[in-house]
């Protein structure tokens, strides 16, 4: 069950950011009560995202410009990701 919660919470975070899963690398940071935290990295930005697992809502998002070696996350499978449009 815990894995399913993380999976749906991560989907909620990616959806709130307007990102495709294959265009980003993500790591589960931790859980505090009903909130799960994910660090998400793209070619342009790094995000820190908090999701309420009871409502499925992304309740907090912080982003910073991506710099080489920032989080060092590996993008899952295949070719390099396509960058999203800057907001």
PDB file of N, CA and C in Angstrom:
ATOM      1  N   UNK A   1       0.822  -1.201   0.000  1.00  0.00           N
ATOM      2  CA  UNK A   1       0.000   0.000   0.000  1.00  0.00           C
ATOM      3  C   UNK A   1       0.862   1.259   0.000  1.00  0.00           C
ATOM      4  N   UNK A   2       1.919   1.270   0.791  1.00  0.00           N
ATOM      5  CA  UNK A   2       2.789   2.445   0.877  1.00  0.00           C
ATOM      6  C   UNK A   2       3.344   2.803  -0.496  1.00  0.00           C
ATOM      7  N   UNK A   3       3.739   1.808  -1.269  1.00  0.00           N
ATOM      8  CA  UNK A   3       4.273   2.067  -2.610  1.00  0.00           C
ATOM      9  C   UNK A   3       3.212   2.725  -3.493  1.00  0.00           C
ATOM     10  N   UNK A   4       1.951   2.266  -3.384  1.00  0.00           N
ATOM     11  CA  UNK A   4       0.870   2.854  -4.170  1.00  0.00           C
ATOM     12  C   UNK A   4       0.654   4.313  -3.799  1.00  0.00           C
ATOM     13  N   UNK A   5       0.739   4.636  -2.509  1.00  0.00           N
ATOM     14  CA  UNK A   5       0.571   6.025  -2.069  1.00  0.00           C
ATOM     15  C   UNK A   5       1.672   6.884  -2.659  1.00  0.00           C
ATOM     16  N   UNK A   6       2.924   6.415  -2.598  1.00  0.00           N
ATOM     17  CA  UNK A   6       4.035   7.179  -3.164  1.00  0.00           C
ATOM     18  C   UNK A   6       3.848   7.368  -4.655  1.00  0.00           C
ATOM     19  N   UNK A   7       3.415   6.324  -5.340  1.00  0.00           N
ATOM     20  CA  UNK A   7       3.240   6.394  -6.783  1.00  0.00           C
ATOM     21  C   UNK A   7       2.166   7.421  -7.151  1.00  0.00           C
ATOM     22  N   UNK A   8       1.026   7.391  -6.466  1.00  0.00           N
ATOM     23  CA  UNK A   8      -0.031   8.349  -6.788  1.00  0.00           C
ATOM     24  C   UNK A   8       0.361   9.758  -6.353  1.00  0.00           C
ATOM     25  N   UNK A   9       1.088   9.881  -5.250  1.00  0.00           N
ATOM     26  CA  UNK A   9       1.556  11.204  -4.806  1.00  0.00           C
ATOM     27  C   UNK A   9       2.554  11.771  -5.809  1.00  0.00           C
ATOM     28  N   UNK A  10       3.442  10.932  -6.331  1.00  0.00           N
ATOM     29  CA  UNK A  10       4.399  11.401  -7.331  1.00  0.00           C
ATOM     30  C   UNK A  10       3.681  11.809  -8.608  1.00  0.00           C
ATOM     31  N   UNK A  11       2.686  11.044  -9.022  1.00  0.00           N
ATOM     32  CA  UNK A  11       1.896  11.423 -10.206  1.00  0.00           C
ATOM     33  C   UNK A  11       1.231  12.780  -9.988  1.00  0.00           C
ATOM     34  N   UNK A  12       0.715  13.013  -8.773  1.00  0.00           N
ATOM     35  CA  UNK A  12       0.084  14.301  -8.459  1.00  0.00           C
ATOM     36  C   UNK A  12       1.099  15.436  -8.545  1.00  0.00           C
ATOM     37  N   UNK A  13       2.318  15.196  -8.053  1.00  0.00           N
ATOM     38  CA  UNK A  13       3.366  16.223  -8.113  1.00  0.00           C
ATOM     39  C   UNK A  13       3.723  16.536  -9.566  1.00  0.00           C
ATOM     40  N   UNK A  14       3.925  15.515 -10.374  1.00  0.00           N
ATOM     41  CA  UNK A  14       4.274  15.719 -11.779  1.00  0.00           C
ATOM     42  C   UNK A  14       3.145  16.428 -12.520  1.00  0.00           C
ATOM     43  N   UNK A  15       1.906  16.053 -12.226  1.00  0.00           N
ATOM     44  CA  UNK A  15       0.764  16.694 -12.878  1.00  0.00           C
ATOM     45  C   UNK A  15       0.673  18.172 -12.492  1.00  0.00           C
ATOM     46  N   UNK A  16       0.887  18.477 -11.208  1.00  0.00           N
ATOM     47  CA  UNK A  16       0.838  19.875 -10.753  1.00  0.00           C
ATOM     48  C   UNK A  16       1.910  20.717 -11.439  1.00  0.00           C
ATOM     49  N   UNK A  17       3.039  20.092 -11.751  1.00  0.00           N
ATOM     50  CA  UNK A  17       4.139  20.798 -12.406  1.00  0.00           C
ATOM     51  C   UNK A  17       4.001  20.796 -13.927  1.00  0.00           C
ATOM     52  N   UNK A  18       3.074  20.015 -14.444  1.00  0.00           N
ATOM     53  CA  UNK A  18       2.899  19.928 -15.889  1.00  0.00           C
ATOM     54  C   UNK A  18       4.016  19.162 -16.569  1.00  0.00           C
ATOM     55  N   UNK A  19       4.564  18.166 -15.863  1.00  0.00           N
ATOM     56  CA  UNK A  19       5.694  17.386 -16.389  1.00  0.00           C
ATOM     57  C   UNK A  19       5.278  15.968 -16.728  1.00  0.00           C
ATOM     58  N   UNK A  20       5.904  15.398 -17.748  1.00  0.00           N
ATOM     59  CA  UNK A  20       5.769  13.977 -18.055  1.00  0.00           C
ATOM     60  C   UNK A  20       6.808  13.212 -17.240  1.00  0.00           C
ATOM     61  N   UNK A  21       6.466  12.023 -16.814  1.00  0.00           N
ATOM     62  CA  UNK A  21       7.374  11.212 -15.997  1.00  0.00           C
ATOM     63  C   UNK A  21       8.708  10.986 -16.702  1.00  0.00           C
ATOM     64  N   UNK A  22       8.670  10.797 -18.031  1.00  0.00           N
ATOM     65  CA  UNK A  22       9.912  10.524 -18.756  1.00  0.00           C
ATOM     66  C   UNK A  22      10.763  11.775 -18.961  1.00  0.00           C
ATOM     67  N   UNK A  23      10.226  12.941 -18.619  1.00  0.00           N
ATOM     68  CA  UNK A  23      10.965  14.195 -18.798  1.00  0.00           C
ATOM     69  C   UNK A  23      11.609  14.661 -17.502  1.00  0.00           C
ATOM     70  N   UNK A  24      11.545  13.835 -16.465  1.00  0.00           N
ATOM     71  CA  UNK A  24      12.068  14.266 -15.170  1.00  0.00           C
ATOM     72  C   UNK A  24      12.606  13.073 -14.392  1.00  0.00           C
ATOM     73  N   UNK A  25      13.473  13.376 -13.464  1.00  0.00           N
ATOM     74  CA  UNK A  25      13.955  12.379 -12.515  1.00  0.00           C
ATOM     75  C   UNK A  25      13.398  12.774 -11.160  1.00  0.00           C
ATOM     76  N   UNK A  26      12.958  11.783 -10.385  1.00  0.00           N
ATOM     77  CA  UNK A  26      12.358  12.093  -9.091  1.00  0.00           C
ATOM     78  C   UNK A  26      12.878  11.146  -8.035  1.00  0.00           C
ATOM     79  N   UNK A  27      12.944  11.637  -6.819  1.00  0.00           N
ATOM     80  CA  UNK A  27      13.329  10.809  -5.692  1.00  0.00           C
ATOM     81  C   UNK A  27      12.393  11.144  -4.537  1.00  0.00           C
ATOM     82  N   UNK A  28      11.958  10.096  -3.838  1.00  0.00           N
ATOM     83  CA  UNK A  28      11.129  10.257  -2.653  1.00  0.00           C
ATOM     84  C   UNK A  28      12.034  10.708  -1.520  1.00  0.00           C
ATOM     85  N   UNK A  29      11.703  11.826  -0.887  1.00  0.00           N
ATOM     86  CA  UNK A  29      12.538  12.381   0.176  1.00  0.00           C
ATOM     87  C   UNK A  29      12.077  11.896   1.544  1.00  0.00           C
ATOM     88  N   UNK A  30      10.776  11.945   1.787  1.00  0.00           N
ATOM     89  CA  UNK A  30      10.281  11.496   3.076  1.00  0.00           C
ATOM     90  C   UNK A  30       8.810  11.777   3.258  1.00  0.00           C
ATOM     91  N   UNK A  31       8.343  11.363   4.418  1.00  0.00           N
ATOM     92  CA  UNK A  31       6.931  11.532   4.750  1.00  0.00           C
ATOM     93  C   UNK A  31       6.819  12.148   6.127  1.00  0.00           C
ATOM     94  N   UNK A  32       5.908  13.121   6.263  1.00  0.00           N
ATOM     95  CA  UNK A  32       5.633  13.755   7.549  1.00  0.00           C
ATOM     96  C   UNK A  32       4.120  13.857   7.672  1.00  0.00           C
ATOM     97  N   UNK A  33       3.526  12.968   8.463  1.00  0.00           N
ATOM     98  CA  UNK A  33       2.071  12.910   8.563  1.00  0.00           C
ATOM     99  C   UNK A  33       1.490  12.543   7.219  1.00  0.00           C
ATOM    100  N   UNK A  34       0.506  13.317   6.744  1.00  0.00           N
ATOM    101  CA  UNK A  34      -0.117  12.977   5.468  1.00  0.00           C
ATOM    102  C   UNK A  34       0.660  13.513   4.256  1.00  0.00           C
ATOM    103  N   UNK A  35       1.798  14.162   4.489  1.00  0.00           N
ATOM    104  CA  UNK A  35       2.533  14.797   3.396  1.00  0.00           C
ATOM    105  C   UNK A  35       3.742  13.977   2.976  1.00  0.00           C
ATOM    106  N   UNK A  36       3.904  13.839   1.664  1.00  0.00           N
ATOM    107  CA  UNK A  36       5.098  13.210   1.106  1.00  0.00           C
ATOM    108  C   UNK A  36       5.866  14.267   0.326  1.00  0.00           C
ATOM    109  N   UNK A  37       7.191  14.191   0.438  1.00  0.00           N
ATOM    110  CA  UNK A  37       8.053  15.147  -0.246  1.00  0.00           C
ATOM    111  C   UNK A  37       8.837  14.435  -1.336  1.00  0.00           C
ATOM    112  N   UNK A  38       8.884  15.079  -2.502  1.00  0.00           N
ATOM    113  CA  UNK A  38       9.643  14.564  -3.634  1.00  0.00           C
ATOM    114  C   UNK A  38      10.586  15.638  -4.142  1.00  0.00           C
ATOM    115  N   UNK A  39      11.767  15.234  -4.552  1.00  0.00           N
ATOM    116  CA  UNK A  39      12.692  16.120  -5.250  1.00  0.00           C
ATOM    117  C   UNK A  39      12.641  15.694  -6.715  1.00  0.00           C
ATOM    118  N   UNK A  40      12.334  16.651  -7.576  1.00  0.00           N
ATOM    119  CA  UNK A  40      12.165  16.383  -9.005  1.00  0.00           C
ATOM    120  C   UNK A  40      13.131  17.278  -9.769  1.00  0.00           C
ATOM    121  N   UNK A  41      13.838  16.681 -10.711  1.00  0.00           N
ATOM    122  CA  UNK A  41      14.861  17.401 -11.479  1.00  0.00           C
ATOM    123  C   UNK A  41      14.562  17.298 -12.964  1.00  0.00           C
ATOM    124  N   UNK A  42      14.668  18.436 -13.665  1.00  0.00           N
ATOM    125  CA  UNK A  42      14.572  18.465 -15.127  1.00  0.00           C
ATOM    126  C   UNK A  42      15.846  19.131 -15.652  1.00  0.00           C
ATOM    127  N   UNK A  43      15.919  19.271 -16.963  1.00  0.00           N
ATOM    128  CA  UNK A  43      17.087  19.933 -17.535  1.00  0.00           C
ATOM    129  C   UNK A  43      17.164  21.401 -17.151  1.00  0.00           C
ATOM    130  N   UNK A  44      16.021  22.012 -16.847  1.00  0.00           N
ATOM    131  CA  UNK A  44      15.998  23.452 -16.587  1.00  0.00           C
ATOM    132  C   UNK A  44      15.814  23.820 -15.120  1.00  0.00           C
ATOM    133  N   UNK A  45      14.985  23.047 -14.406  1.00  0.00           N
ATOM    134  CA  UNK A  45      14.648  23.413 -13.029  1.00  0.00           C
ATOM    135  C   UNK A  45      14.711  22.219 -12.090  1.00  0.00           C
ATOM    136  N   UNK A  46      14.946  22.507 -10.819  1.00  0.00           N
ATOM    137  CA  UNK A  46      14.858  21.522  -9.746  1.00  0.00           C
ATOM    138  C   UNK A  46      13.675  21.916  -8.873  1.00  0.00           C
ATOM    139  N   UNK A  47      12.828  20.943  -8.538  1.00  0.00           N
ATOM    140  CA  UNK A  47      11.634  21.201  -7.754  1.00  0.00           C
ATOM    141  C   UNK A  47      11.692  20.430  -6.442  1.00  0.00           C
ATOM    142  N   UNK A  48      11.138  21.011  -5.403  1.00  0.00           N
ATOM    143  CA  UNK A  48      10.890  20.336  -4.145  1.00  0.00           C
ATOM    144  C   UNK A  48       9.382  20.412  -3.981  1.00  0.00           C
ATOM    145  N   UNK A  49       8.705  19.269  -3.959  1.00  0.00           N
ATOM    146  CA  UNK A  49       7.250  19.248  -4.015  1.00  0.00           C
ATOM    147  C   UNK A  49       6.675  18.446  -2.851  1.00  0.00           C
ATOM    148  N   UNK A  50       5.645  19.000  -2.215  1.00  0.00           N
ATOM    149  CA  UNK A  50       4.959  18.353  -1.103  1.00  0.00           C
ATOM    150  C   UNK A  50       3.534  18.017  -1.545  1.00  0.00           C
ATOM    151  N   UNK A  51       3.141  16.759  -1.312  1.00  0.00           N
ATOM    152  CA  UNK A  51       1.822  16.289  -1.723  1.00  0.00           C
ATOM    153  C   UNK A  51       1.065  15.769  -0.507  1.00  0.00           C
ATOM    154  N   UNK A  52      -0.188  16.196  -0.358  1.00  0.00           N
ATOM    155  CA  UNK A  52      -1.070  15.683   0.688  1.00  0.00           C
ATOM    156  C   UNK A  52      -1.606  14.350   0.187  1.00  0.00           C
ATOM    157  N   UNK A  53      -1.220  13.250   0.829  1.00  0.00           N
ATOM    158  CA  UNK A  53      -1.607  11.927   0.346  1.00  0.00           C
ATOM    159  C   UNK A  53      -3.077  11.622   0.608  1.00  0.00           C
ATOM    160  N   UNK A  54      -3.723  12.393   1.482  1.00  0.00           N
ATOM    161  CA  UNK A  54      -5.144  12.169   1.744  1.00  0.00           C
ATOM    162  C   UNK A  54      -6.015  12.796   0.655  1.00  0.00           C
ATOM    163  N   UNK A  55      -5.598  13.941   0.135  1.00  0.00           N
ATOM    164  CA  UNK A  55      -6.386  14.624  -0.898  1.00  0.00           C
ATOM    165  C   UNK A  55      -5.809  14.445  -2.296  1.00  0.00           C
ATOM    166  N   UNK A  56      -4.519  14.073  -2.388  1.00  0.00           N
ATOM    167  CA  UNK A  56      -3.857  13.950  -3.686  1.00  0.00           C
ATOM    168  C   UNK A  56      -3.443  15.289  -4.266  1.00  0.00           C
ATOM    169  N   UNK A  57      -3.495  16.330  -3.456  1.00  0.00           N
ATOM    170  CA  UNK A  57      -3.179  17.679  -3.925  1.00  0.00           C
ATOM    171  C   UNK A  57      -1.723  18.036  -3.628  1.00  0.00           C
ATOM    172  N   UNK A  58      -1.067  18.657  -4.621  1.00  0.00           N
ATOM    173  CA  UNK A  58       0.269  19.207  -4.400  1.00  0.00           C
ATOM    174  C   UNK A  58       0.078  20.499  -3.603  1.00  0.00           C
ATOM    175  N   UNK A  59       0.519  20.509  -2.348  1.00  0.00           N
ATOM    176  CA  UNK A  59       0.243  21.644  -1.465  1.00  0.00           C
ATOM    177  C   UNK A  59       1.413  22.610  -1.339  1.00  0.00           C
ATOM    178  N   UNK A  60       2.566  22.227  -1.831  1.00  0.00           N
ATOM    179  CA  UNK A  60       3.705  23.121  -1.786  1.00  0.00           C
ATOM    180  C   UNK A  60       4.729  22.757  -2.840  1.00  0.00           C
ATOM    181  N   UNK A  61       5.179  23.767  -3.573  1.00  0.00           N
ATOM    182  CA  UNK A  61       6.176  23.556  -4.621  1.00  0.00           C
ATOM    183  C   UNK A  61       7.195  24.680  -4.540  1.00  0.00           C
ATOM    184  N   UNK A  62       8.460  24.300  -4.539  1.00  0.00           N
ATOM    185  CA  UNK A  62       9.549  25.268  -4.573  1.00  0.00           C
ATOM    186  C   UNK A  62      10.419  24.889  -5.762  1.00  0.00           C
ATOM    187  N   UNK A  63      10.873  25.868  -6.533  1.00  0.00           N
ATOM    188  CA  UNK A  63      11.737  25.531  -7.660  1.00  0.00           C
ATOM    189  C   UNK A  63      12.928  26.474  -7.704  1.00  0.00           C
ATOM    190  N   UNK A  64      14.018  25.932  -8.197  1.00  0.00           N
ATOM    191  CA  UNK A  64      15.250  26.685  -8.370  1.00  0.00           C
ATOM    192  C   UNK A  64      15.838  26.303  -9.723  1.00  0.00           C
ATOM    193  N   UNK A  65      16.600  27.200 -10.342  1.00  0.00           N
ATOM    194  CA  UNK A  65      17.247  26.853 -11.608  1.00  0.00           C
ATOM    195  C   UNK A  65      18.171  25.650 -11.427  1.00  0.00           C
ATOM    196  N   UNK A  66      18.155  24.775 -12.401  1.00  0.00           N
ATOM    197  CA  UNK A  66      19.023  23.597 -12.357  1.00  0.00           C
ATOM    198  C   UNK A  66      20.460  24.012 -12.660  1.00  0.00           C
ATOM    199  N   UNK A  67      21.376  23.542 -11.841  1.00  0.00           N
ATOM    200  CA  UNK A  67      22.797  23.751 -12.095  1.00  0.00           C
ATOM    201  C   UNK A  67      23.465  22.394 -12.174  1.00  0.00           C
ATOM    202  N   UNK A  68      24.539  22.284 -12.904  1.00  0.00           N
ATOM    203  CA  UNK A  68      25.233  21.006 -13.030  1.00  0.00           C
ATOM    204  C   UNK A  68      25.599  20.481 -11.658  1.00  0.00           C
ATOM    205  N   UNK A  69      25.239  19.230 -11.444  1.00  0.00           N
ATOM    206  CA  UNK A  69      25.589  18.582 -10.194  1.00  0.00           C
ATOM    207  C   UNK A  69      24.690  18.944  -9.029  1.00  0.00           C
ATOM    208  N   UNK A  70      23.569  19.612  -9.288  1.00  0.00           N
ATOM    209  CA  UNK A  70      22.693  20.051  -8.200  1.00  0.00           C
ATOM    210  C   UNK A  70      22.239  18.875  -7.351  1.00  0.00           C
ATOM    211  N   UNK A  71      21.387  18.041  -7.881  1.00  0.00           N
ATOM    212  CA  UNK A  71      20.898  16.902  -7.113  1.00  0.00           C
ATOM    213  C   UNK A  71      21.516  15.608  -7.598  1.00  0.00           C
ATOM    214  N   UNK A  72      21.996  15.608  -8.837  1.00  0.00           N
ATOM    215  CA  UNK A  72      22.632  14.416  -9.388  1.00  0.00           C
ATOM    216  C   UNK A  72      21.687  13.245  -9.572  1.00  0.00           C
ATOM    217  N   UNK A  73      20.414  13.503  -9.777  1.00  0.00           N
ATOM    218  CA  UNK A  73      19.448  12.434  -9.974  1.00  0.00           C
ATOM    219  C   UNK A  73      19.597  11.884 -11.385  1.00  0.00           C
ATOM    220  N   UNK A  74      19.343  10.591 -11.524  1.00  0.00           N
ATOM    221  CA  UNK A  74      19.404   9.979 -12.851  1.00  0.00           C
ATOM    222  C   UNK A  74      18.004   9.894 -13.423  1.00  0.00           C
ATOM    223  N   UNK A  75      17.864  10.290 -14.670  1.00  0.00           N
ATOM    224  CA  UNK A  75      16.578  10.214 -15.333  1.00  0.00           C
ATOM    225  C   UNK A  75      16.308   8.764 -15.711  1.00  0.00           C
ATOM    226  N   UNK A  76      15.085   8.306 -15.482  1.00  0.00           N
ATOM    227  CA  UNK A  76      14.773   6.913 -15.760  1.00  0.00           C
ATOM    228  C   UNK A  76      14.785   6.605 -17.251  1.00  0.00           C
ATOM    229  N   UNK A  77      15.350   5.468 -17.603  1.00  0.00           N
ATOM    230  CA  UNK A  77      15.356   4.894 -18.931  1.00  0.00           C
ATOM    231  C   UNK A  77      15.496   5.791 -20.133  1.00  0.00           C
ATOM    232  N   UNK A  78      16.222   5.315 -21.093  1.00  0.00           N
ATOM    233  CA  UNK A  78      16.237   5.929 -22.395  1.00  0.00           C
ATOM    234  C   UNK A  78      16.999   7.233 -22.546  1.00  0.00           C
ATOM    235  N   UNK A  79      16.642   7.968 -23.603  1.00  0.00           N
ATOM    236  CA  UNK A  79      17.391   9.156 -23.974  1.00  0.00           C
ATOM    237  C   UNK A  79      17.209  10.294 -22.979  1.00  0.00           C
ATOM    238  N   UNK A  80      18.033  11.317 -23.156  1.00  0.00           N
ATOM    239  CA  UNK A  80      17.936  12.497 -22.310  1.00  0.00           C
ATOM    240  C   UNK A  80      16.552  13.108 -22.446  1.00  0.00           C
ATOM    241  N   UNK A  81      16.086  13.723 -21.357  1.00  0.00           N
ATOM    242  CA  UNK A  81      14.733  14.265 -21.392  1.00  0.00           C
ATOM    243  C   UNK A  81      14.649  15.522 -22.233  1.00  0.00           C
ATOM    244  N   UNK A  82      13.452  15.814 -22.675  1.00  0.00           N
ATOM    245  CA  UNK A  82      13.170  17.039 -23.402  1.00  0.00           C
ATOM    246  C   UNK A  82      12.858  18.114 -22.369  1.00  0.00           C
ATOM    247  N   UNK A  83      13.446  19.277 -22.464  1.00  0.00           N
ATOM    248  CA  UNK A  83      13.178  20.309 -21.462  1.00  0.00           C
ATOM    249  C   UNK A  83      11.765  20.859 -21.587  1.00  0.00           C
ATOM    250  N   UNK A  84      11.176  21.151 -20.434  1.00  0.00           N
ATOM    251  CA  UNK A  84       9.865  21.793 -20.454  1.00  0.00           C
ATOM    252  C   UNK A  84      10.055  23.269 -20.744  1.00  0.00           C
ATOM    253  N   UNK A  85       8.983  23.941 -21.107  1.00  0.00           N
ATOM    254  CA  UNK A  85       9.066  25.374 -21.383  1.00  0.00           C
ATOM    255  C   UNK A  85       9.204  26.135 -20.071  1.00  0.00           C
ATOM    256  N   UNK A  86      10.124  27.090 -19.992  1.00  0.00           N
ATOM    257  CA  UNK A  86      10.228  27.891 -18.773  1.00  0.00           C
ATOM    258  C   UNK A  86       8.924  28.624 -18.508  1.00  0.00           C
ATOM    259  N   UNK A  87       8.602  28.756 -17.229  1.00  0.00           N
ATOM    260  CA  UNK A  87       7.343  29.418 -16.855  1.00  0.00           C
ATOM    261  C   UNK A  87       7.588  30.826 -16.491  1.00  0.00           C
TER     262      UNK A  87
END
